[in-house]
C-alpha atoms as a PDB file:
ATOM      1  CA  MET A   1      -3.240 -20.949   4.663  1.00  0.00           C
ATOM      2  CA  LEU A   2      -6.915 -19.931   4.891  1.00  0.00           C
ATOM      3  CA  THR A   3      -8.536 -17.024   3.188  1.00  0.00           C
ATOM      4  CA  CYS A   4     -10.950 -14.875   5.101  1.00  0.00           C
ATOM      5  CA  LYS A   5     -13.841 -16.317   3.245  1.00  0.00           C
ATOM      6  CA  ASP A   6     -12.845 -19.836   4.235  1.00  0.00           C
ATOM      7  CA  ALA A   7     -12.343 -18.747   7.784  1.00  0.00           C
ATOM      8  CA  GLU A   8     -15.904 -17.369   7.951  1.00  0.00           C
ATOM      9  CA  ALA A   9     -17.317 -20.786   7.049  1.00  0.00           C
ATOM     10  CA  LEU A  10     -15.130 -22.425   9.630  1.00  0.00           C
ATOM     11  CA  MET A  11     -16.112 -19.842  12.287  1.00  0.00           C
ATOM     12  CA  ALA A  12     -19.817 -20.716  11.785  1.00  0.00           C
ATOM     13  CA  ARG A  13     -19.103 -24.505  12.110  1.00  0.00           C
ATOM     14  CA  ARG A  14     -16.910 -23.824  15.197  1.00  0.00           C
ATOM     15  CA  ALA A  15     -19.707 -21.834  16.845  1.00  0.00           C
ATOM     16  CA  SER A  16     -22.186 -24.705  16.300  1.00  0.00           C
ATOM     17  CA  GLY A  17     -19.649 -27.252  17.622  1.00  0.00           C
ATOM     18  CA  ALA A  18     -19.254 -29.128  14.332  1.00  0.00           C
ATOM     19  CA  LEU A  19     -15.631 -28.217  13.537  1.00  0.00           C
ATOM     20  CA  GLU A  20     -13.003 -30.994  13.222  1.00  0.00           C
ATOM     21  CA  THR A  21      -9.672 -30.707  14.999  1.00  0.00           C
ATOM     22  CA  ASP A  22      -7.418 -30.116  11.967  1.00  0.00           C
ATOM     23  CA  ASP A  23      -9.775 -27.341  10.655  1.00  0.00           C
ATOM     24  CA  ASP A  24      -9.878 -25.887  14.104  1.00  0.00           C
ATOM     25  CA  ALA A  25      -6.065 -25.681  14.140  1.00  0.00           C
ATOM     26  CA  ALA A  26      -6.080 -23.971  10.764  1.00  0.00           C
ATOM     27  CA  LEU A  27      -8.696 -21.529  11.896  1.00  0.00           C
ATOM     28  CA  VAL A  28      -6.777 -20.671  15.096  1.00  0.00           C
ATOM     29  CA  GLN A  29      -3.650 -19.943  12.993  1.00  0.00           C
ATOM     30  CA  HIS A  30      -5.686 -17.756  10.684  1.00  0.00           C
ATOM     31  CA  LEU A  31      -7.122 -15.783  13.622  1.00  0.00           C
ATOM     32  CA  ARG A  32      -3.684 -15.231  15.046  1.00  0.00           C
ATOM     33  CA  GLU A  33      -2.566 -13.623  11.774  1.00  0.00           C
ATOM     34  CA  CYS A  34      -5.709 -11.817  10.606  1.00  0.00           C
ATOM     35  CA  GLY A  35      -6.892  -8.894  12.674  1.00  0.00           C
ATOM     36  CA  ALA A  36     -10.014  -8.455  10.546  1.00  0.00           C
ATOM     37  CA  CYS A  37     -11.453 -11.917  11.310  1.00  0.00           C
ATOM     38  CA  ARG A  38     -10.902 -11.905  15.102  1.00  0.00           C
ATOM     39  CA  PRO A  39     -13.781  -9.518  16.025  1.00  0.00           C
ATOM     40  CA  LEU A  40     -16.113 -11.636  13.820  1.00  0.00           C
ATOM     41  CA  ALA A  41     -14.882 -14.817  15.532  1.00  0.00           C
ATOM     42  CA  ASP A  42     -15.495 -13.131  18.987  1.00  0.00           C
ATOM     43  CA  ASP A  43     -18.993 -12.004  17.923  1.00  0.00           C
ATOM     44  CA  GLN A  44     -19.967 -15.523  16.755  1.00  0.00           C
ATOM     45  CA  ALA A  45     -18.702 -17.127  19.964  1.00  0.00           C
ATOM     46  CA  LEU A  46     -20.676 -14.615  22.017  1.00  0.00           C
ATOM     47  CA  VAL A  47     -23.826 -15.350  20.073  1.00  0.00           C
ATOM     48  CA  ALA A  48     -23.298 -19.181  20.372  1.00  0.00           C
ATOM     49  CA  ARG A  49     -22.873 -18.728  24.246  1.00  0.00           C
ATOM     50  CA  ALA A  50     -26.015 -16.690  24.466  1.00  0.00           C
ATOM     51  CA  LEU A  51     -28.011 -19.253  22.546  1.00  0.00           C
ATOM     52  CA  THR A  52     -26.688 -22.173  24.423  1.00  0.00           C
ATOM     53  CA  SER A  53     -27.198 -20.532  27.881  1.00  0.00           C
ATOM     54  CA  ARG A  54     -30.963 -19.953  27.486  1.00  0.00           C
ATOM     55  CA  PRO A  55     -33.195 -21.626  30.038  1.00  0.00           C
ATOM     56  CA  GLU A  56     -34.941 -24.816  29.084  1.00  0.00           C
ATOM     57  CA  ALA A  57     -38.780 -24.427  29.084  1.00  0.00           C
ATOM     58  CA  ALA A  58     -40.899 -27.375  30.025  1.00  0.00           C
ATOM     59  CA  VAL A  59     -43.066 -28.690  27.234  1.00  0.00           C
ATOM     60  CA  PRO A  60     -46.785 -29.132  28.254  1.00  0.00           C
ATOM     61  CA  LEU A  61     -47.976 -32.646  28.764  1.00  0.00           C
ATOM     62  CA  GLY A  62     -49.341 -34.153  25.474  1.00  0.00           C
ATOM     63  CA  PHE A  63     -47.925 -31.287  23.311  1.00  0.00           C
ATOM     64  CA  THR A  64     -45.932 -33.554  21.062  1.00  0.00           C
ATOM     65  CA  GLN A  65     -48.965 -35.963  20.503  1.00  0.00           C
ATOM     66  CA  ARG A  66     -51.300 -33.048  19.637  1.00  0.00           C
ATOM     67  CA  LEU A  67     -48.671 -31.540  17.254  1.00  0.00           C
ATOM     68  CA  SER A  68     -48.030 -34.880  15.643  1.00  0.00           C
ATOM     69  CA  ASP A  69     -51.764 -35.407  15.153  1.00  0.00           C
ATOM     70  CA  ARG A  70     -52.212 -32.036  13.504  1.00  0.00           C
ATOM     71  CA  LEU A  71     -49.224 -32.521  11.148  1.00  0.00           C
ATOM     72  CA  ASP A  72     -50.437 -35.987  10.143  1.00  0.00           C
ATOM     73  CA  ALA A  73     -53.986 -34.971   9.580  1.00  0.00           C
ATOM     74  CA  GLU A  74     -54.824 -35.119   5.870  1.00  0.00           C
ATOM     75  CA  VAL A  75     -56.554 -32.158   4.183  1.00  0.00           C
ATOM     76  CA  ASN A  76     -59.624 -33.256   2.396  1.00  0.00           C
ATOM     77  CA  TRP A  77     -59.520 -32.076  -1.189  1.00  0.00           C
ATOM     78  CA  ALA A  78     -63.242 -31.389  -1.065  1.00  0.00           C
ATOM     79  CA  ASP A  79     -62.537 -28.876   1.703  1.00  0.00           C
ATOM     80  CA  MET A  80     -59.995 -27.138  -0.511  1.00  0.00           C
ATOM     81  CA  LEU A  81     -62.495 -26.696  -3.210  1.00  0.00           C
ATOM     82  CA  ASN A  82     -65.290 -25.404  -0.977  1.00  0.00           C
ATOM     83  CA  TRP A  83     -66.571 -22.315  -2.758  1.00  0.00           C
ATOM     84  CA  ARG A  84     -68.098 -20.873   0.450  1.00  0.00           C
ATOM     85  CA  MET A  85     -64.624 -20.822   2.069  1.00  0.00           C
ATOM     86  CA  TRP A  86     -63.136 -19.023  -0.856  1.00  0.00           C
ATOM     87  CA  THR A  87     -65.939 -16.454  -1.251  1.00  0.00           C
ATOM     88  CA  VAL A  88     -65.653 -15.447   2.358  1.00  0.00           C
ATOM     89  CA  ARG A  89     -61.875 -15.118   2.013  1.00  0.00           C
ATOM     90  CA  LEU A  90     -61.955 -13.252  -1.187  1.00  0.00           C
ATOM     91  CA  ALA A  91     -65.011 -10.965  -0.563  1.00  0.00           C
ATOM     92  CA  PRO A  92     -62.767  -8.186   0.868  1.00  0.00           C
ATOM     93  CA  VAL A  93     -60.496  -8.363  -2.053  1.00  0.00           C
ATOM     94  CA  ALA A  94     -63.478  -8.137  -4.541  1.00  0.00           C
ATOM     95  CA  ALA A  95     -64.900  -5.213  -2.630  1.00  0.00           C
ATOM     96  CA  ALA A  96     -61.560  -3.346  -2.688  1.00  0.00           C
ATOM     97  CA  LEU A  97     -61.218  -3.910  -6.462  1.00  0.00           C
ATOM     98  CA  MET A  98     -64.803  -2.589  -7.002  1.00  0.00           C
ATOM     99  CA  ILE A  99     -64.105   0.490  -4.949  1.00  0.00           C
ATOM    100  CA  ALA A 100     -60.865   1.098  -6.810  1.00  0.00           C
ATOM    101  CA  ALA A 101     -62.458   0.606 -10.150  1.00  0.00           C
ATOM    102  CA  ALA A 102     -65.316   2.989  -9.225  1.00  0.00           C
ATOM    103  CA  THR A 103     -63.025   5.726  -7.931  1.00  0.00           C
ATOM    104  CA  THR A 104     -60.581   5.642 -10.834  1.00  0.00           C
ATOM    105  CA  ALA A 105     -62.871   5.086 -13.727  1.00  0.00           C
ATOM    106  CA  GLU A 106     -63.417   7.934 -16.137  1.00  0.00           C
ATOM    107  CA  ARG A 107     -66.738   8.820 -17.697  1.00  0.00           C
ATOM    108  CA  VAL A 108     -67.087   7.107 -21.088  1.00  0.00           C
ATOM    109  CA  THR A 109     -69.196   8.743 -23.744  1.00  0.00           C
ATOM    110  CA  ALA A 110     -70.235   7.103 -27.016  1.00  0.00           C
ATOM    111  CA  ALA A 111     -68.745   8.394 -30.263  1.00  0.00           C
ATOM    112  CA  ASP A 112     -70.855  10.080 -32.871  1.00  0.00           C
ATOM    113  CA  PRO A 113     -72.256   7.684 -35.393  1.00  0.00           C
ATOM    114  CA  ILE A 114     -70.257   7.450 -38.598  1.00  0.00           C
ATOM    115  CA  ASP A 115     -71.998   7.775 -42.013  1.00  0.00           C
ATOM    116  CA  LEU A 116     -70.223   5.086 -44.117  1.00  0.00           C
ATOM    117  CA  ALA A 117     -71.909   6.431 -47.265  1.00  0.00           C
ATOM    118  CA  GLU A 118     -70.171   9.749 -46.970  1.00  0.00           C
ATOM    119  CA  ILE A 119     -66.809   8.077 -46.246  1.00  0.00           C
ATOM    120  CA  ALA A 120     -67.050   5.816 -49.259  1.00  0.00           C
ATOM    121  CA  GLU A 121     -68.149   8.783 -51.404  1.00  0.00           C
ATOM    122  CA  SER A 122     -65.142  10.823 -50.391  1.00  0.00           C
ATOM    123  CA  TRP A 123     -62.776   7.951 -51.106  1.00  0.00           C
ATOM    124  CA  ALA A 124     -64.167   6.855 -54.458  1.00  0.00           C
ATOM    125  CA  ILE A 125     -65.567   9.875 -56.164  1.00  0.00           C
ATOM    126  CA  ASP A 126     -63.477  12.615 -57.785  1.00  0.00           C
ATOM    127  CA  PRO A 127     -64.931  15.937 -56.630  1.00  0.00           C
ATOM    128  CA  GLU A 128     -64.081  17.663 -59.902  1.00  0.00           C
ATOM    129  CA  LEU A 129     -66.446  15.487 -61.934  1.00  0.00           C
ATOM    130  CA  ALA A 130     -69.455  17.501 -63.202  1.00  0.00           C
ATOM    131  CA  GLU A 131     -71.811  14.566 -62.874  1.00  0.00           C
ATOM    132  CA  LEU A 132     -71.595  11.731 -60.432  1.00  0.00           C
ATOM    133  CA  PRO A 133     -70.968   8.301 -61.919  1.00  0.00           C
ATOM    134  CA  THR A 134     -73.700   5.753 -62.017  1.00  0.00           C
ATOM    135  CA  MET A 135     -71.837   3.679 -59.422  1.00  0.00           C
ATOM    136  CA  SER A 136     -72.282   6.382 -56.828  1.00  0.00           C
ATOM    137  CA  LEU A 137     -75.939   5.232 -56.494  1.00  0.00           C
ATOM    138  CA  PHE A 138     -74.708   2.223 -54.574  1.00  0.00           C
ATOM    139  CA  TRP A 139     -73.235   4.441 -51.798  1.00  0.00           C
ATOM    140  CA  GLN A 140     -76.276   6.565 -51.207  1.00  0.00           C
ATOM    141  CA  ALA A 141     -78.205   6.005 -47.962  1.00  0.00           C
ATOM    142  CA  GLU A 142     -81.535   5.427 -49.604  1.00  0.00           C
ATOM    143  CA  VAL A 143     -81.800   4.196 -53.203  1.00  0.00           C
ATOM    144  CA  SER A 144     -85.155   3.779 -55.021  1.00  0.00           C
ATOM    145  CA  ALA A 145     -85.833   0.620 -56.997  1.00  0.00           C
ATOM    146  CA  ASP A 146     -85.839   2.665 -60.202  1.00  0.00           C
ATOM    147  CA  SER A 147     -82.482   4.287 -59.584  1.00  0.00           C
ATOM    148  CA  MET A 148     -80.991   0.932 -58.729  1.00  0.00           C
ATOM    149  CA  LEU A 149     -82.342  -0.624 -61.865  1.00  0.00           C
ATOM    150  CA  GLU A 150     -80.937   2.210 -63.978  1.00  0.00           C
ATOM    151  CA  ALA A 151     -77.533   1.857 -62.397  1.00  0.00           C
ATOM    152  CA  VAL A 152     -77.432  -1.841 -63.009  1.00  0.00           C
ATOM    153  CA  LEU A 153     -78.551  -1.516 -66.652  1.00  0.00           C
ATOM    154  CA  THR A 154     -76.363   1.422 -67.600  1.00  0.00           C
ATOM    155  CA  ALA A 155     -73.149   0.337 -65.893  1.00  0.00           C
ATOM    156  CA  ASP A 156     -70.562  -1.388 -67.906  1.00  0.00           C
ATOM    157  CA  PRO A 157     -69.434  -4.415 -65.774  1.00  0.00           C
ATOM    158  CA  ASP A 158     -66.314  -4.911 -67.794  1.00  0.00           C
ATOM    159  CA  ASP A 159     -64.968  -1.410 -67.309  1.00  0.00           C
ATOM    160  CA  PRO A 160     -66.142   0.158 -64.009  1.00  0.00           C
ATOM    161  CA  ILE A 161     -63.151   2.495 -63.861  1.00  0.00           C
ATOM    162  CA  ALA A 162     -64.093   4.123 -67.171  1.00  0.00           C
ATOM    163  CA  GLU A 163     -67.728   4.580 -65.890  1.00  0.00           C
ATOM    164  CA  ALA A 164     -66.420   6.426 -62.806  1.00  0.00           C
ATOM    165  CA  GLY A 165     -64.309   8.810 -64.801  1.00  0.00           C
ATOM    166  CA  TYR A 166     -60.914   7.579 -63.582  1.00  0.00           C
ATOM    167  CA  ASP A 167     -59.624   6.382 -66.907  1.00  0.00           C
ATOM    168  CA  GLN A 168     -58.234   9.810 -67.842  1.00  0.00           C
END
């Protein structure tokens, strides 16, 4: 006994004329018993008759030779890499991308400059100290040679934390 799914496959083969006799007998038996598959079989038979009854058109003289020559013609790899061919074909795409970018782009403004000396000072120096530590000279924007010499000579390299007032 065939299922409807099996019968569909057999109906397609029957419509194309490729169904064997034992499968044809099983399909006929299924179509007698299944009312849902009968309209589908009738539709496929109608389509098969319509396709086979179409008029034959005459092929122009030399058509097969011209078609065969075009199919057999090799494409030169240098022609595929021709940059002029690609630029002509991609020029409209590039123009469309440029227009889209120009219409959707927002105005970009530069950010204000950041004074790194102020940021470093705010991170490293305790605002409650009465006097700035000697190390703070290194964060100033402009330092004189004398101030730099004083900072180097008076700073304790072994204990920079104590110099900054953070050892409390």
